[in-house]
Amino acid sequence: MKPCKDCIAEGVTTNRPAPKPGPRCITHDRAFRKASKTRNHARYVENTYSIDAALYQAIIEAQGGKCAICQRANGTTKRLAVDHDHSCCDGPTSCGKCVRGALCSVCNVFVGRMRDDPEAFVRGAAYLRYPPAQAVINLLN
């Protein structure tokens, strides 16, 4: 096996092998893939939503580092999705001015299923607070 090219560049003399079909050891391969994913995500967010990586990070920090709706997901396992108003821009990209926040994938799908209707959220909250089946059950008991 060939030695890792990043180890050689850093002056590491342990001669760590590069077992994958690439020129890097496991440690440097992991770091390289993580940096590559971060770059690709930043490029995707900028091309699709017209916001740069710094603004994306600022939005997440303004939300306390969590999903704006459920406040549970923090983006460590899967990055938080950019939520935007679909009625603002035509086409597959956004102008950047209609970005509403960062949501986990479950909440993002939920907002989409509710078709961005605020009244649907109000009805959902009322449903959870006062379930209609409970009123029927209490009457029959």
N, C-alpha and C. Protein backbone atom coordinates (compact mmCIF):
# COMPACT_ATOMS: atom_id res chain seq x y z
N MET A 1 0.83 -1.19 0.00
CA MET A 1 0.00 0.00 0.00
C MET A 1 0.87 1.25 0.00
N LYS A 2 0.35 2.27 -0.65
CA LYS A 2 1.08 3.54 -0.68
C LYS A 2 0.85 4.29 0.63
N PRO A 3 1.79 5.13 1.01
CA PRO A 3 1.58 5.97 2.19
C PRO A 3 0.62 7.12 1.87
N CYS A 4 0.00 7.63 2.89
CA CYS A 4 -0.97 8.73 2.76
C CYS A 4 -0.27 10.00 2.30
N LYS A 5 -0.82 10.65 1.26
CA LYS A 5 -0.18 11.85 0.73
C LYS A 5 -0.31 13.04 1.67
N ASP A 6 -1.40 13.08 2.47
CA ASP A 6 -1.56 14.18 3.42
C ASP A 6 -0.62 14.01 4.61
N CYS A 7 -0.39 12.78 5.03
CA CYS A 7 0.57 12.53 6.11
C CYS A 7 1.96 12.96 5.68
N ILE A 8 2.32 12.64 4.46
CA ILE A 8 3.63 13.02 3.94
C ILE A 8 3.75 14.54 3.90
N ALA A 9 2.67 15.23 3.45
CA ALA A 9 2.69 16.69 3.36
C ALA A 9 2.80 17.34 4.74
N GLU A 10 2.22 16.69 5.76
CA GLU A 10 2.29 17.23 7.11
C GLU A 10 3.59 16.86 7.82
N GLY A 11 4.37 15.99 7.23
CA GLY A 11 5.63 15.58 7.82
C GLY A 11 5.49 14.45 8.82
N VAL A 12 4.37 13.73 8.78
CA VAL A 12 4.17 12.59 9.69
C VAL A 12 5.04 11.44 9.18
N THR A 13 5.82 10.87 10.06
CA THR A 13 6.76 9.83 9.65
C THR A 13 6.29 8.42 9.99
N THR A 14 5.05 8.26 10.47
CA THR A 14 4.59 6.93 10.84
C THR A 14 4.27 6.08 9.63
N ASN A 15 4.23 6.71 8.46
CA ASN A 15 4.00 5.98 7.21
C ASN A 15 2.65 5.24 7.23
N ARG A 16 1.59 5.96 7.61
CA ARG A 16 0.26 5.35 7.64
C ARG A 16 -0.15 4.94 6.24
N PRO A 17 -0.68 3.75 6.09
CA PRO A 17 -1.07 3.29 4.74
C PRO A 17 -2.38 3.94 4.30
N ALA A 18 -2.57 3.98 2.99
CA ALA A 18 -3.79 4.48 2.40
C ALA A 18 -4.56 3.27 1.86
N PRO A 19 -5.37 2.60 2.71
CA PRO A 19 -6.00 1.36 2.29
C PRO A 19 -7.15 1.54 1.31
N LYS A 20 -7.77 2.71 1.31
CA LYS A 20 -8.88 2.94 0.38
C LYS A 20 -8.30 3.16 -1.01
N PRO A 21 -9.14 3.08 -2.03
CA PRO A 21 -8.60 3.30 -3.38
C PRO A 21 -8.34 4.79 -3.64
N GLY A 22 -7.73 5.44 -2.69
CA GLY A 22 -7.35 6.83 -2.83
C GLY A 22 -6.02 7.02 -2.15
N PRO A 23 -5.49 8.20 -2.20
CA PRO A 23 -4.14 8.39 -1.65
C PRO A 23 -4.12 8.81 -0.19
N ARG A 24 -5.21 8.61 0.57
CA ARG A 24 -5.27 9.10 1.95
C ARG A 24 -5.49 7.97 2.95
N CYS A 25 -4.96 8.20 4.17
CA CYS A 25 -5.22 7.27 5.27
C CYS A 25 -6.66 7.49 5.74
N ILE A 26 -7.12 6.65 6.64
CA ILE A 26 -8.50 6.72 7.13
C ILE A 26 -8.79 8.09 7.75
N THR A 27 -7.90 8.60 8.57
CA THR A 27 -8.12 9.88 9.26
C THR A 27 -8.24 11.02 8.26
N HIS A 28 -7.32 11.11 7.33
CA HIS A 28 -7.36 12.19 6.35
C HIS A 28 -8.49 11.99 5.35
N ASP A 29 -8.84 10.76 5.03
CA ASP A 29 -9.95 10.50 4.12
C ASP A 29 -11.26 10.99 4.74
N ARG A 30 -11.44 10.73 6.03
CA ARG A 30 -12.64 11.17 6.75
C ARG A 30 -12.73 12.70 6.76
N ALA A 31 -11.63 13.37 7.04
CA ALA A 31 -11.60 14.83 7.07
C ALA A 31 -11.85 15.41 5.68
N PHE A 32 -11.27 14.78 4.64
CA PHE A 32 -11.45 15.24 3.28
C PHE A 32 -12.91 15.12 2.85
N ARG A 33 -13.55 13.99 3.17
CA ARG A 33 -14.96 13.79 2.80
C ARG A 33 -15.86 14.78 3.53
N LYS A 34 -15.58 15.04 4.80
CA LYS A 34 -16.38 16.00 5.57
C LYS A 34 -16.27 17.40 4.98
N ALA A 35 -15.05 17.82 4.65
CA ALA A 35 -14.85 19.14 4.05
C ALA A 35 -15.52 19.23 2.68
N SER A 36 -15.49 18.15 1.94
CA SER A 36 -16.12 18.12 0.62
C SER A 36 -17.64 18.24 0.75
N LYS A 37 -18.23 17.53 1.70
CA LYS A 37 -19.68 17.62 1.92
C LYS A 37 -20.08 19.02 2.34
N THR A 38 -19.28 19.65 3.19
CA THR A 38 -19.57 21.01 3.63
C THR A 38 -19.52 21.98 2.46
N ARG A 39 -18.50 21.87 1.62
CA ARG A 39 -18.39 22.73 0.43
C ARG A 39 -19.57 22.52 -0.51
N ASN A 40 -19.93 21.27 -0.75
CA ASN A 40 -21.04 20.97 -1.66
C ASN A 40 -22.36 21.50 -1.12
N HIS A 41 -22.58 21.37 0.19
CA HIS A 41 -23.82 21.88 0.77
C HIS A 41 -23.87 23.41 0.67
N ALA A 42 -22.76 24.08 0.94
CA ALA A 42 -22.71 25.54 0.84
C ALA A 42 -23.01 25.98 -0.59
N ARG A 43 -22.47 25.27 -1.56
CA ARG A 43 -22.72 25.59 -2.97
C ARG A 43 -24.18 25.38 -3.32
N TYR A 44 -24.77 24.28 -2.84
CA TYR A 44 -26.19 23.99 -3.10
C TYR A 44 -27.09 25.08 -2.50
N VAL A 45 -26.83 25.45 -1.25
CA VAL A 45 -27.66 26.47 -0.59
C VAL A 45 -27.54 27.80 -1.33
N GLU A 46 -26.34 28.16 -1.76
CA GLU A 46 -26.16 29.42 -2.46
C GLU A 46 -26.83 29.41 -3.83
N ASN A 47 -26.70 28.31 -4.56
CA ASN A 47 -27.31 28.23 -5.89
C ASN A 47 -28.82 28.12 -5.84
N THR A 48 -29.37 27.46 -4.83
CA THR A 48 -30.80 27.22 -4.76
C THR A 48 -31.56 28.32 -4.04
N TYR A 49 -31.01 28.81 -2.93
CA TYR A 49 -31.74 29.76 -2.09
C TYR A 49 -31.12 31.16 -2.09
N SER A 50 -30.05 31.38 -2.81
CA SER A 50 -29.38 32.68 -2.92
C SER A 50 -28.92 33.23 -1.58
N ILE A 51 -28.50 32.34 -0.68
CA ILE A 51 -27.89 32.77 0.58
C ILE A 51 -26.56 32.04 0.71
N ASP A 52 -25.57 32.71 1.27
CA ASP A 52 -24.26 32.07 1.40
C ASP A 52 -24.19 31.25 2.69
N ALA A 53 -23.11 30.52 2.84
CA ALA A 53 -22.96 29.61 3.99
C ALA A 53 -22.96 30.37 5.31
N ALA A 54 -22.41 31.57 5.33
CA ALA A 54 -22.37 32.36 6.57
C ALA A 54 -23.79 32.77 6.98
N LEU A 55 -24.61 33.15 6.01
CA LEU A 55 -26.00 33.53 6.33
C LEU A 55 -26.81 32.31 6.77
N TYR A 56 -26.58 31.17 6.13
CA TYR A 56 -27.23 29.92 6.55
C TYR A 56 -26.90 29.61 8.01
N GLN A 57 -25.62 29.74 8.35
CA GLN A 57 -25.19 29.47 9.73
C GLN A 57 -25.77 30.50 10.69
N ALA A 58 -25.87 31.76 10.26
CA ALA A 58 -26.43 32.82 11.11
C ALA A 58 -27.92 32.56 11.38
N ILE A 59 -28.64 32.05 10.39
CA ILE A 59 -30.06 31.71 10.56
C ILE A 59 -30.20 30.61 11.61
N ILE A 60 -29.38 29.59 11.51
CA ILE A 60 -29.44 28.48 12.47
C ILE A 60 -29.08 28.97 13.88
N GLU A 61 -28.08 29.82 13.98
CA GLU A 61 -27.70 30.35 15.30
C GLU A 61 -28.80 31.23 15.88
N ALA A 62 -29.51 32.00 15.03
CA ALA A 62 -30.61 32.84 15.50
C ALA A 62 -31.76 32.00 16.04
N GLN A 63 -31.87 30.78 15.55
CA GLN A 63 -32.91 29.84 16.01
C GLN A 63 -32.44 29.03 17.21
N GLY A 64 -31.30 29.33 17.75
CA GLY A 64 -30.78 28.60 18.89
C GLY A 64 -30.12 27.29 18.50
N GLY A 65 -29.76 27.14 17.22
CA GLY A 65 -29.09 25.93 16.75
C GLY A 65 -30.03 24.76 16.54
N LYS A 66 -31.34 25.02 16.53
CA LYS A 66 -32.32 23.94 16.40
C LYS A 66 -33.35 24.27 15.35
N CYS A 67 -34.13 23.27 15.01
CA CYS A 67 -35.25 23.44 14.08
C CYS A 67 -36.20 24.51 14.62
N ALA A 68 -36.67 25.40 13.76
CA ALA A 68 -37.51 26.51 14.19
C ALA A 68 -38.86 26.05 14.72
N ILE A 69 -39.34 24.89 14.31
CA ILE A 69 -40.67 24.43 14.73
C ILE A 69 -40.59 23.47 15.90
N CYS A 70 -39.91 22.35 15.74
CA CYS A 70 -39.93 21.32 16.78
C CYS A 70 -38.93 21.59 17.91
N GLN A 71 -37.92 22.39 17.65
CA GLN A 71 -36.88 22.71 18.63
C GLN A 71 -36.15 21.48 19.16
N ARG A 72 -36.17 20.39 18.41
CA ARG A 72 -35.47 19.17 18.83
C ARG A 72 -34.29 18.88 17.93
N ALA A 73 -34.50 18.88 16.63
CA ALA A 73 -33.43 18.55 15.69
C ALA A 73 -32.41 19.68 15.68
N ASN A 74 -31.12 19.31 15.71
CA ASN A 74 -30.08 20.33 15.73
C ASN A 74 -29.15 20.26 14.53
N GLY A 75 -29.43 19.39 13.59
CA GLY A 75 -28.65 19.34 12.37
C GLY A 75 -27.36 18.56 12.45
N THR A 76 -27.13 17.81 13.52
CA THR A 76 -25.88 17.06 13.61
C THR A 76 -25.93 15.79 12.75
N THR A 77 -27.05 15.10 12.75
CA THR A 77 -27.18 13.89 11.94
C THR A 77 -27.48 14.23 10.48
N LYS A 78 -28.43 15.12 10.28
CA LYS A 78 -28.80 15.57 8.95
C LYS A 78 -28.97 17.09 9.02
N ARG A 79 -28.38 17.78 8.07
CA ARG A 79 -28.44 19.24 8.08
C ARG A 79 -29.88 19.74 8.04
N LEU A 80 -30.10 20.90 8.66
CA LEU A 80 -31.43 21.50 8.63
C LEU A 80 -31.70 22.07 7.24
N ALA A 81 -32.92 21.89 6.77
CA ALA A 81 -33.31 22.34 5.44
C ALA A 81 -33.68 23.82 5.48
N VAL A 82 -33.42 24.50 4.39
CA VAL A 82 -33.81 25.90 4.26
C VAL A 82 -35.28 25.93 3.85
N ASP A 83 -36.11 26.62 4.63
CA ASP A 83 -37.52 26.76 4.31
C ASP A 83 -37.73 28.14 3.70
N HIS A 84 -38.49 28.17 2.61
CA HIS A 84 -38.78 29.45 1.95
C HIS A 84 -40.21 29.45 1.44
N ASP A 85 -40.71 30.64 1.17
CA ASP A 85 -42.07 30.81 0.68
C ASP A 85 -42.09 30.49 -0.81
N HIS A 86 -42.79 29.42 -1.17
CA HIS A 86 -42.82 28.98 -2.57
C HIS A 86 -43.62 29.93 -3.46
N SER A 87 -44.51 30.71 -2.88
CA SER A 87 -45.33 31.61 -3.70
C SER A 87 -44.55 32.84 -4.15
N CYS A 88 -43.39 33.09 -3.56
CA CYS A 88 -42.61 34.28 -3.87
C CYS A 88 -41.92 34.17 -5.23
N CYS A 89 -41.25 33.08 -5.48
CA CYS A 89 -40.41 32.95 -6.67
C CYS A 89 -40.91 31.84 -7.59
N ASP A 90 -40.85 32.10 -8.86
CA ASP A 90 -41.17 31.06 -9.85
C ASP A 90 -39.91 30.26 -10.14
N GLY A 91 -40.08 28.99 -10.43
CA GLY A 91 -38.93 28.18 -10.79
C GLY A 91 -38.33 27.45 -9.61
N PRO A 92 -37.25 26.74 -9.86
CA PRO A 92 -36.65 25.89 -8.83
C PRO A 92 -35.76 26.63 -7.84
N THR A 93 -35.45 27.90 -8.09
CA THR A 93 -34.58 28.63 -7.18
C THR A 93 -35.34 29.74 -6.47
N SER A 94 -34.74 30.23 -5.40
CA SER A 94 -35.34 31.27 -4.58
C SER A 94 -34.54 32.56 -4.72
N CYS A 95 -35.20 33.69 -4.48
CA CYS A 95 -34.51 34.98 -4.56
C CYS A 95 -33.66 35.25 -3.33
N GLY A 96 -33.90 34.52 -2.24
CA GLY A 96 -33.16 34.73 -1.00
C GLY A 96 -33.92 35.59 -0.02
N LYS A 97 -34.84 36.42 -0.51
CA LYS A 97 -35.61 37.29 0.37
C LYS A 97 -36.80 36.56 1.00
N CYS A 98 -37.18 35.43 0.43
CA CYS A 98 -38.34 34.70 0.93
C CYS A 98 -37.96 33.54 1.85
N VAL A 99 -36.69 33.46 2.25
CA VAL A 99 -36.24 32.40 3.18
C VAL A 99 -36.85 32.68 4.54
N ARG A 100 -37.49 31.66 5.13
CA ARG A 100 -38.16 31.83 6.42
C ARG A 100 -37.34 31.30 7.58
N GLY A 101 -36.57 30.27 7.36
CA GLY A 101 -35.79 29.70 8.44
C GLY A 101 -35.23 28.35 8.05
N ALA A 102 -34.71 27.63 9.06
CA ALA A 102 -34.14 26.30 8.86
C ALA A 102 -34.96 25.30 9.65
N LEU A 103 -35.40 24.24 8.97
CA LEU A 103 -36.25 23.23 9.58
C LEU A 103 -35.63 21.85 9.41
N CYS A 104 -35.98 20.94 10.33
CA CYS A 104 -35.60 19.54 10.14
C CYS A 104 -36.46 18.99 9.00
N SER A 105 -36.10 17.86 8.48
CA SER A 105 -36.82 17.32 7.32
C SER A 105 -38.27 16.99 7.66
N VAL A 106 -38.55 16.53 8.87
CA VAL A 106 -39.92 16.19 9.26
C VAL A 106 -40.79 17.44 9.28
N CYS A 107 -40.31 18.51 9.90
CA CYS A 107 -41.07 19.76 9.97
C CYS A 107 -41.19 20.41 8.59
N ASN A 108 -40.14 20.30 7.78
CA ASN A 108 -40.19 20.86 6.44
C ASN A 108 -41.27 20.18 5.61
N VAL A 109 -41.37 18.86 5.70
CA VAL A 109 -42.41 18.13 4.99
C VAL A 109 -43.78 18.50 5.55
N PHE A 110 -43.86 18.66 6.87
CA PHE A 110 -45.12 19.02 7.52
C PHE A 110 -45.63 20.37 7.01
N VAL A 111 -44.74 21.36 6.93
CA VAL A 111 -45.13 22.68 6.42
C VAL A 111 -45.59 22.55 4.97
N GLY A 112 -44.90 21.74 4.20
CA GLY A 112 -45.30 21.52 2.81
C GLY A 112 -46.65 20.85 2.69
N ARG A 113 -46.92 19.89 3.56
CA ARG A 113 -48.22 19.20 3.54
C ARG A 113 -49.36 20.13 3.92
N MET A 114 -49.06 21.09 4.78
CA MET A 114 -50.08 22.06 5.19
C MET A 114 -50.23 23.17 4.15
N ARG A 115 -49.46 23.07 3.07
CA ARG A 115 -49.49 24.01 1.95
C ARG A 115 -49.30 25.47 2.40
N ASP A 116 -48.39 25.65 3.34
CA ASP A 116 -48.04 26.98 3.85
C ASP A 116 -49.24 27.76 4.36
N ASP A 117 -50.25 27.05 4.87
CA ASP A 117 -51.48 27.68 5.36
C ASP A 117 -51.40 27.86 6.87
N PRO A 118 -51.31 29.11 7.36
CA PRO A 118 -51.23 29.33 8.81
C PRO A 118 -52.47 28.84 9.55
N GLU A 119 -53.62 28.90 8.92
CA GLU A 119 -54.86 28.44 9.56
C GLU A 119 -54.82 26.93 9.83
N ALA A 120 -54.13 26.19 8.97
CA ALA A 120 -54.00 24.75 9.20
C ALA A 120 -53.22 24.48 10.48
N PHE A 121 -52.23 25.32 10.77
CA PHE A 121 -51.46 25.16 12.01
C PHE A 121 -52.32 25.50 13.22
N VAL A 122 -53.16 26.51 13.09
CA VAL A 122 -54.06 26.88 14.20
C VAL A 122 -55.03 25.74 14.47
N ARG A 123 -55.59 25.16 13.40
CA ARG A 123 -56.50 24.02 13.57
C ARG A 123 -55.78 22.82 14.18
N GLY A 124 -54.53 22.62 13.78
CA GLY A 124 -53.75 21.52 14.35
C GLY A 124 -53.49 21.70 15.83
N ALA A 125 -53.18 22.94 16.23
CA ALA A 125 -52.95 23.21 17.64
C ALA A 125 -54.24 23.02 18.44
N ALA A 126 -55.37 23.46 17.89
CA ALA A 126 -56.66 23.27 18.57
C ALA A 126 -56.99 21.79 18.68
N TYR A 127 -56.67 21.04 17.65
CA TYR A 127 -56.92 19.60 17.66
C TYR A 127 -56.13 18.92 18.77
N LEU A 128 -54.87 19.31 18.93
CA LEU A 128 -54.04 18.70 19.97
C LEU A 128 -54.49 19.12 21.37
N ARG A 129 -54.93 20.36 21.51
CA ARG A 129 -55.38 20.83 22.83
C ARG A 129 -56.74 20.25 23.21
N TYR A 130 -57.64 20.18 22.25
CA TYR A 130 -59.02 19.74 22.52
C TYR A 130 -59.40 18.65 21.51
N PRO A 131 -58.92 17.42 21.71
CA PRO A 131 -59.22 16.35 20.75
C PRO A 131 -60.72 16.08 20.68
N PRO A 132 -61.31 16.07 19.51
CA PRO A 132 -62.76 15.87 19.39
C PRO A 132 -63.21 14.50 19.89
N ALA A 133 -62.39 13.49 19.78
CA ALA A 133 -62.78 12.16 20.24
C ALA A 133 -62.95 12.14 21.77
N GLN A 134 -62.18 12.94 22.48
CA GLN A 134 -62.29 12.97 23.93
C GLN A 134 -63.65 13.48 24.37
N ALA A 135 -64.20 14.45 23.66
CA ALA A 135 -65.53 14.96 23.99
C ALA A 135 -66.59 13.88 23.81
N VAL A 136 -66.48 13.09 22.77
CA VAL A 136 -67.42 11.99 22.53
C VAL A 136 -67.27 10.93 23.59
N ILE A 137 -66.05 10.57 23.91
CA ILE A 137 -65.78 9.53 24.91
C ILE A 137 -66.32 9.96 26.27
N ASN A 138 -66.10 11.22 26.63
CA ASN A 138 -66.60 11.73 27.93
C ASN A 138 -68.11 11.74 27.99
N LEU A 139 -68.78 12.00 26.86
CA LEU A 139 -70.25 11.99 26.83
C LEU A 139 -70.80 10.59 27.03
N LEU A 140 -70.13 9.60 26.45
CA LEU A 140 -70.63 8.23 26.51
C LEU A 140 -70.29 7.55 27.82
N ASN A 141 -69.37 8.08 28.56
CA ASN A 141 -68.99 7.44 29.84
C ASN A 141 -69.73 7.98 30.98
